[in-house]
N, C-alpha and C. Protein backbone atom coordinates (compact mmCIF):
# COMPACT_ATOMS: atom_id res chain seq x y z
N MET A 1 4.52 256.42 153.99
CA MET A 1 4.21 257.74 154.06
C MET A 1 5.36 258.53 154.37
N GLN A 2 5.62 259.46 153.53
CA GLN A 2 6.91 260.05 153.74
C GLN A 2 7.05 261.48 154.64
N ALA A 3 7.62 261.84 155.75
CA ALA A 3 7.90 262.52 156.45
C ALA A 3 8.76 263.59 155.86
N VAL A 4 8.43 264.83 156.45
CA VAL A 4 9.18 266.30 155.86
C VAL A 4 9.87 266.99 157.30
N LEU A 5 11.04 267.12 157.49
CA LEU A 5 11.36 268.16 158.31
C LEU A 5 12.52 268.88 157.53
N ARG A 6 12.02 270.11 157.97
CA ARG A 6 12.62 271.43 157.55
C ARG A 6 14.03 272.07 158.59
N VAL A 7 14.84 272.22 157.89
CA VAL A 7 16.32 272.32 158.90
C VAL A 7 16.66 273.82 158.60
N ASP A 8 16.34 274.37 159.66
CA ASP A 8 16.61 275.74 159.51
C ASP A 8 17.07 276.40 160.76
N GLY A 9 17.76 277.71 160.78
CA GLY A 9 18.12 278.81 161.97
C GLY A 9 19.86 277.90 162.36
N LEU A 10 20.53 277.29 161.32
CA LEU A 10 21.72 276.93 161.39
C LEU A 10 22.76 277.81 161.57
N PRO A 11 23.75 277.85 162.24
CA PRO A 11 25.02 278.87 161.90
C PRO A 11 25.26 278.68 160.44
N PRO A 12 25.97 280.02 160.23
CA PRO A 12 26.70 279.99 158.80
C PRO A 12 27.68 279.23 158.71
N ALA A 13 28.73 279.29 159.68
CA ALA A 13 29.83 278.57 159.23
C ALA A 13 29.44 276.85 159.46
N PRO A 14 30.16 276.12 158.15
CA PRO A 14 29.87 274.92 158.20
C PRO A 14 30.03 274.18 159.36
N LEU A 15 31.15 274.11 159.36
CA LEU A 15 31.29 273.22 160.87
C LEU A 15 30.25 273.35 161.93
N ASP A 16 30.37 274.52 162.39
CA ASP A 16 29.19 274.79 163.34
C ASP A 16 27.47 274.24 162.82
N ALA A 17 27.61 274.55 161.85
CA ALA A 17 26.13 274.18 161.05
C ALA A 17 25.98 272.60 161.05
N ALA A 18 26.97 271.84 161.07
CA ALA A 18 27.09 270.43 161.04
C ALA A 18 27.00 270.56 162.52
N ALA A 19 27.50 270.78 163.00
CA ALA A 19 27.55 270.49 164.67
C ALA A 19 26.16 270.97 165.33
N ALA A 20 25.81 271.54 164.82
CA ALA A 20 24.04 272.05 165.34
C ALA A 20 23.00 270.97 164.52
N PHE A 21 23.28 270.87 163.77
CA PHE A 21 22.29 269.72 162.86
C PHE A 21 22.69 268.72 163.70
N HIS A 22 23.63 267.82 164.16
CA HIS A 22 23.57 266.67 164.68
C HIS A 22 23.13 266.78 166.02
N ALA A 23 23.29 267.88 166.80
CA ALA A 23 22.56 268.00 168.12
C ALA A 23 21.08 268.46 168.10
N ALA A 24 20.47 269.18 167.30
CA ALA A 24 19.26 269.40 167.01
C ALA A 24 18.38 268.73 166.35
N PHE A 25 18.70 268.66 165.22
CA PHE A 25 17.69 268.14 164.21
C PHE A 25 18.06 266.46 163.96
N LEU A 26 18.96 265.84 164.47
CA LEU A 26 19.51 264.08 163.85
C LEU A 26 18.34 263.85 164.78
N PRO A 27 18.45 263.92 166.25
CA PRO A 27 17.01 263.28 166.68
C PRO A 27 15.73 263.23 166.38
N GLN A 28 15.69 264.87 165.98
CA GLN A 28 13.95 264.53 165.54
C GLN A 28 14.27 263.84 163.89
N ALA A 29 14.70 263.86 163.33
CA ALA A 29 15.18 263.12 161.95
C ALA A 29 14.77 261.41 162.40
N ARG A 30 15.51 261.12 163.14
CA ARG A 30 15.43 259.60 163.65
C ARG A 30 13.85 259.18 164.20
N THR A 31 13.40 260.40 165.20
CA THR A 31 11.93 260.20 165.62
C THR A 31 11.24 260.21 164.37
N ALA A 32 11.38 260.86 163.16
CA ALA A 32 10.53 261.21 162.19
C ALA A 32 10.28 260.05 161.35
N LEU A 33 11.74 259.41 161.27
CA LEU A 33 11.58 257.99 160.56
C LEU A 33 11.01 256.76 161.27
N ALA A 34 10.94 256.73 162.55
CA ALA A 34 10.64 256.03 163.18
C ALA A 34 8.89 255.32 162.79
N GLY A 35 7.99 256.77 162.65
CA GLY A 35 6.83 256.72 161.96
C GLY A 35 6.40 257.00 160.87
N ALA A 36 7.39 256.62 159.82
CA ALA A 36 7.48 256.95 158.47
C ALA A 36 8.19 255.84 157.63
N ASP A 37 7.83 255.92 156.35
CA ASP A 37 8.84 255.14 155.64
C ASP A 37 9.82 255.81 154.85
N ALA A 38 9.56 257.15 154.66
CA ALA A 38 10.65 258.26 154.32
C ALA A 38 10.74 259.26 154.73
N LEU A 39 11.83 260.10 154.88
CA LEU A 39 12.13 261.11 155.32
C LEU A 39 12.59 261.86 154.33
N VAL A 40 12.26 263.15 154.41
CA VAL A 40 13.03 264.18 153.28
C VAL A 40 13.47 265.50 154.40
N LEU A 41 14.39 266.03 154.46
CA LEU A 41 14.96 266.73 155.45
C LEU A 41 15.24 268.08 153.94
N VAL A 42 14.56 269.15 154.29
CA VAL A 42 14.75 270.49 153.58
C VAL A 42 15.81 271.48 154.03
N PHE A 43 16.20 271.71 153.50
CA PHE A 43 17.89 273.02 153.62
C PHE A 43 17.58 273.83 153.31
N PRO A 44 17.88 275.38 154.03
CA PRO A 44 17.83 276.25 152.56
C PRO A 44 19.10 276.58 151.71
N ALA A 45 19.12 277.00 150.63
CA ALA A 45 20.41 277.00 149.66
C ALA A 45 21.59 277.28 150.88
N GLY A 46 22.30 276.48 150.12
CA GLY A 46 23.85 276.59 150.72
C GLY A 46 24.91 276.71 149.46
N ASP A 47 25.99 276.41 149.87
CA ASP A 47 26.92 276.79 149.10
C ASP A 47 27.77 274.97 148.87
N LYS A 48 29.10 275.30 148.46
CA LYS A 48 29.70 273.83 148.62
C LYS A 48 30.07 273.19 149.47
N ALA A 49 30.33 274.26 150.73
CA ALA A 49 30.88 273.61 152.01
C ALA A 49 29.97 273.10 152.74
N ASP A 50 28.53 273.83 152.66
CA ASP A 50 27.46 273.27 152.95
C ASP A 50 26.88 271.58 152.49
N CYS A 51 27.00 271.46 150.97
CA CYS A 51 26.76 270.37 150.74
C CYS A 51 27.45 269.28 150.81
N GLY A 52 28.64 269.50 151.39
CA GLY A 52 29.70 268.12 151.90
C GLY A 52 29.03 267.89 153.36
N TRP A 53 28.71 268.53 154.10
CA TRP A 53 28.16 267.92 155.33
C TRP A 53 26.84 267.39 155.29
N ARG A 54 26.01 268.02 154.58
CA ARG A 54 24.58 268.04 154.42
C ARG A 54 24.27 266.49 153.50
N LEU A 55 25.56 266.32 152.48
CA LEU A 55 25.16 264.95 151.93
C LEU A 55 25.71 263.50 152.70
N ALA A 56 26.68 264.17 153.36
CA ALA A 56 26.91 263.08 154.39
C ALA A 56 26.24 262.77 155.81
N ALA A 57 25.65 263.75 155.98
CA ALA A 57 24.26 263.27 157.04
C ALA A 57 23.66 262.56 156.89
N VAL A 58 23.02 263.01 155.21
CA VAL A 58 21.71 262.54 154.59
C VAL A 58 21.83 260.53 154.50
N GLN A 59 23.58 260.78 153.50
CA GLN A 59 23.80 259.39 153.57
C GLN A 59 23.94 258.27 154.62
N ALA A 60 24.33 258.94 155.94
CA ALA A 60 24.40 258.18 157.09
C ALA A 60 23.29 257.89 157.59
N LEU A 61 22.32 259.05 157.32
CA LEU A 61 20.88 258.44 158.03
C LEU A 61 20.34 257.65 157.16
N ALA A 62 20.55 257.59 155.81
CA ALA A 62 19.90 256.77 154.99
C ALA A 62 20.25 255.10 154.95
N ARG A 63 21.42 255.28 155.37
CA ARG A 63 21.85 253.82 155.71
C ARG A 63 21.34 253.46 156.81
N GLU A 64 21.48 254.31 158.17
CA GLU A 64 20.76 253.89 159.51
C GLU A 64 19.39 253.30 159.17
N ALA A 65 18.84 253.82 158.47
CA ALA A 65 17.53 254.03 158.34
C ALA A 65 17.22 252.74 157.40
N ALA A 66 17.59 251.78 156.30
CA ALA A 66 17.29 251.26 155.63
C ALA A 66 16.83 250.10 156.02
N PRO A 67 15.83 249.41 155.53
CA PRO A 67 15.22 249.72 154.14
C PRO A 67 14.08 250.98 154.00
N LYS A 68 14.17 252.17 155.10
CA LYS A 68 13.49 253.13 154.91
C LYS A 68 14.34 254.34 154.12
N ARG A 69 13.62 255.35 153.76
CA ARG A 69 14.45 255.78 152.66
C ARG A 69 14.85 257.56 153.32
N ALA A 70 15.66 258.10 153.50
CA ALA A 70 15.98 259.52 153.81
C ALA A 70 16.63 259.97 152.75
N ASN A 71 16.49 261.10 152.28
CA ASN A 71 17.08 262.21 151.35
C ASN A 71 16.68 263.57 151.78
N GLY A 72 17.57 264.61 150.92
CA GLY A 72 17.60 266.05 151.25
C GLY A 72 17.12 267.03 150.00
N VAL A 73 16.31 267.79 150.38
CA VAL A 73 16.43 269.00 149.15
C VAL A 73 16.90 270.25 150.00
N ALA A 74 17.68 271.06 149.09
CA ALA A 74 18.59 272.01 149.35
C ALA A 74 18.06 273.16 148.40
N GLY A 75 17.25 274.48 149.10
CA GLY A 75 16.92 275.10 147.94
C GLY A 75 15.86 276.17 148.94
N ASP A 76 15.79 277.78 148.16
CA ASP A 76 15.14 278.86 148.76
C ASP A 76 13.74 278.81 148.05
N SER A 77 13.47 278.16 146.68
CA SER A 77 12.07 278.50 145.82
C SER A 77 11.37 277.56 146.58
N ALA A 78 10.13 278.01 147.56
CA ALA A 78 9.31 277.08 147.93
C ALA A 78 8.49 276.19 147.23
N ASP A 79 8.25 276.73 145.85
CA ASP A 79 7.57 275.73 144.64
C ASP A 79 8.63 274.60 144.27
N ALA A 80 9.87 274.90 143.90
CA ALA A 80 10.67 273.72 143.43
C ALA A 80 11.09 273.13 144.65
N VAL A 81 11.23 272.89 145.71
CA VAL A 81 11.67 272.32 147.26
C VAL A 81 10.26 271.62 147.19
N ALA A 82 8.79 271.89 146.72
CA ALA A 82 7.61 271.29 147.30
C ALA A 82 7.59 269.95 146.07
N GLU A 83 8.00 270.73 144.65
CA GLU A 83 7.89 269.75 143.60
C GLU A 83 9.07 268.81 143.84
N ALA A 84 10.29 268.80 144.44
CA ALA A 84 11.11 267.80 144.54
C ALA A 84 10.83 267.15 145.66
N VAL A 85 9.93 267.58 147.15
CA VAL A 85 9.34 266.33 147.84
C VAL A 85 8.50 265.83 147.05
N GLU A 86 7.63 265.97 146.77
CA GLU A 86 6.38 265.51 145.98
C GLU A 86 7.02 264.33 144.94
N TRP A 87 8.30 264.53 144.03
CA TRP A 87 8.85 263.83 143.13
C TRP A 87 9.52 262.42 144.41
N LEU A 88 10.37 262.79 145.21
CA LEU A 88 10.63 261.84 146.10
C LEU A 88 9.47 260.90 146.63
N ALA A 89 8.58 261.39 147.34
CA ALA A 89 7.30 260.56 147.44
C ALA A 89 7.27 259.46 146.53
N ASP A 90 7.02 260.00 145.07
CA ASP A 90 6.89 258.57 144.19
C ASP A 90 8.21 258.33 143.72
N ALA A 91 9.30 258.11 144.34
CA ALA A 91 10.42 257.82 143.95
C ALA A 91 10.99 256.70 144.63
N PRO A 92 10.49 255.80 144.94
CA PRO A 92 10.51 254.42 146.25
C PRO A 92 12.50 254.26 145.70
N GLY A 93 13.18 253.74 144.80
CA GLY A 93 14.33 253.54 144.34
C GLY A 93 15.36 254.46 144.88
N ILE A 94 15.19 255.85 145.38
CA ILE A 94 15.90 256.81 145.85
C ILE A 94 15.92 257.21 147.33
N THR A 95 17.58 256.98 147.57
CA THR A 95 17.86 257.24 148.99
C THR A 95 19.68 257.56 148.98
N GLY A 96 19.51 258.37 150.10
CA GLY A 96 20.75 258.88 150.61
C GLY A 96 21.36 260.23 149.56
N GLN A 97 20.47 260.84 148.81
CA GLN A 97 20.67 261.73 148.10
C GLN A 97 20.34 262.81 148.22
N LEU A 98 20.92 264.32 148.08
CA LEU A 98 20.78 265.55 148.50
C LEU A 98 20.17 266.24 147.26
N LEU A 99 19.54 266.68 146.96
CA LEU A 99 18.78 267.79 145.57
C LEU A 99 18.88 269.05 145.94
N ALA A 100 19.95 269.57 145.03
CA ALA A 100 19.80 270.90 145.42
C ALA A 100 19.02 271.68 143.83
N VAL A 101 17.81 272.50 144.34
CA VAL A 101 16.89 272.92 143.70
C VAL A 101 17.20 274.53 143.74
N ASP A 102 16.56 275.12 142.64
CA ASP A 102 16.78 276.71 142.51
C ASP A 102 15.63 277.21 142.13
N GLY A 103 14.88 276.56 141.35
CA GLY A 103 13.49 276.89 141.01
C GLY A 103 13.42 277.30 139.50
N ASN A 104 14.67 277.41 138.56
CA ASN A 104 14.83 277.83 137.04
C ASN A 104 14.36 276.60 136.56
N PRO A 105 13.31 276.50 135.53
CA PRO A 105 13.00 275.47 134.55
C PRO A 105 13.72 274.91 133.82
N ALA A 106 14.76 275.22 133.55
CA ALA A 106 15.65 274.51 132.55
C ALA A 106 16.74 273.40 133.17
């Protein structure tokens, strides 16, 4: 089973967002992984500064949770996010990745 945790309401500044994530969402992620084989963290779309801390958090969580899987999806298109989450559910070899989706079919 794959759990999904939506990460939202974070401050706009990357350092503040990372601190808020670790304080509020990391405990939730660990709890979700305790009852699932995999976890997808769903972030809103962000820029390169957001990508750095998000990827580091996802990778660290994946290492900690192994052999369970942890991945992230970032995007504002609900359809694209749902498609990526569904794809990850059927991709048992993928862990520690942050997928940016934008809803464009290209």
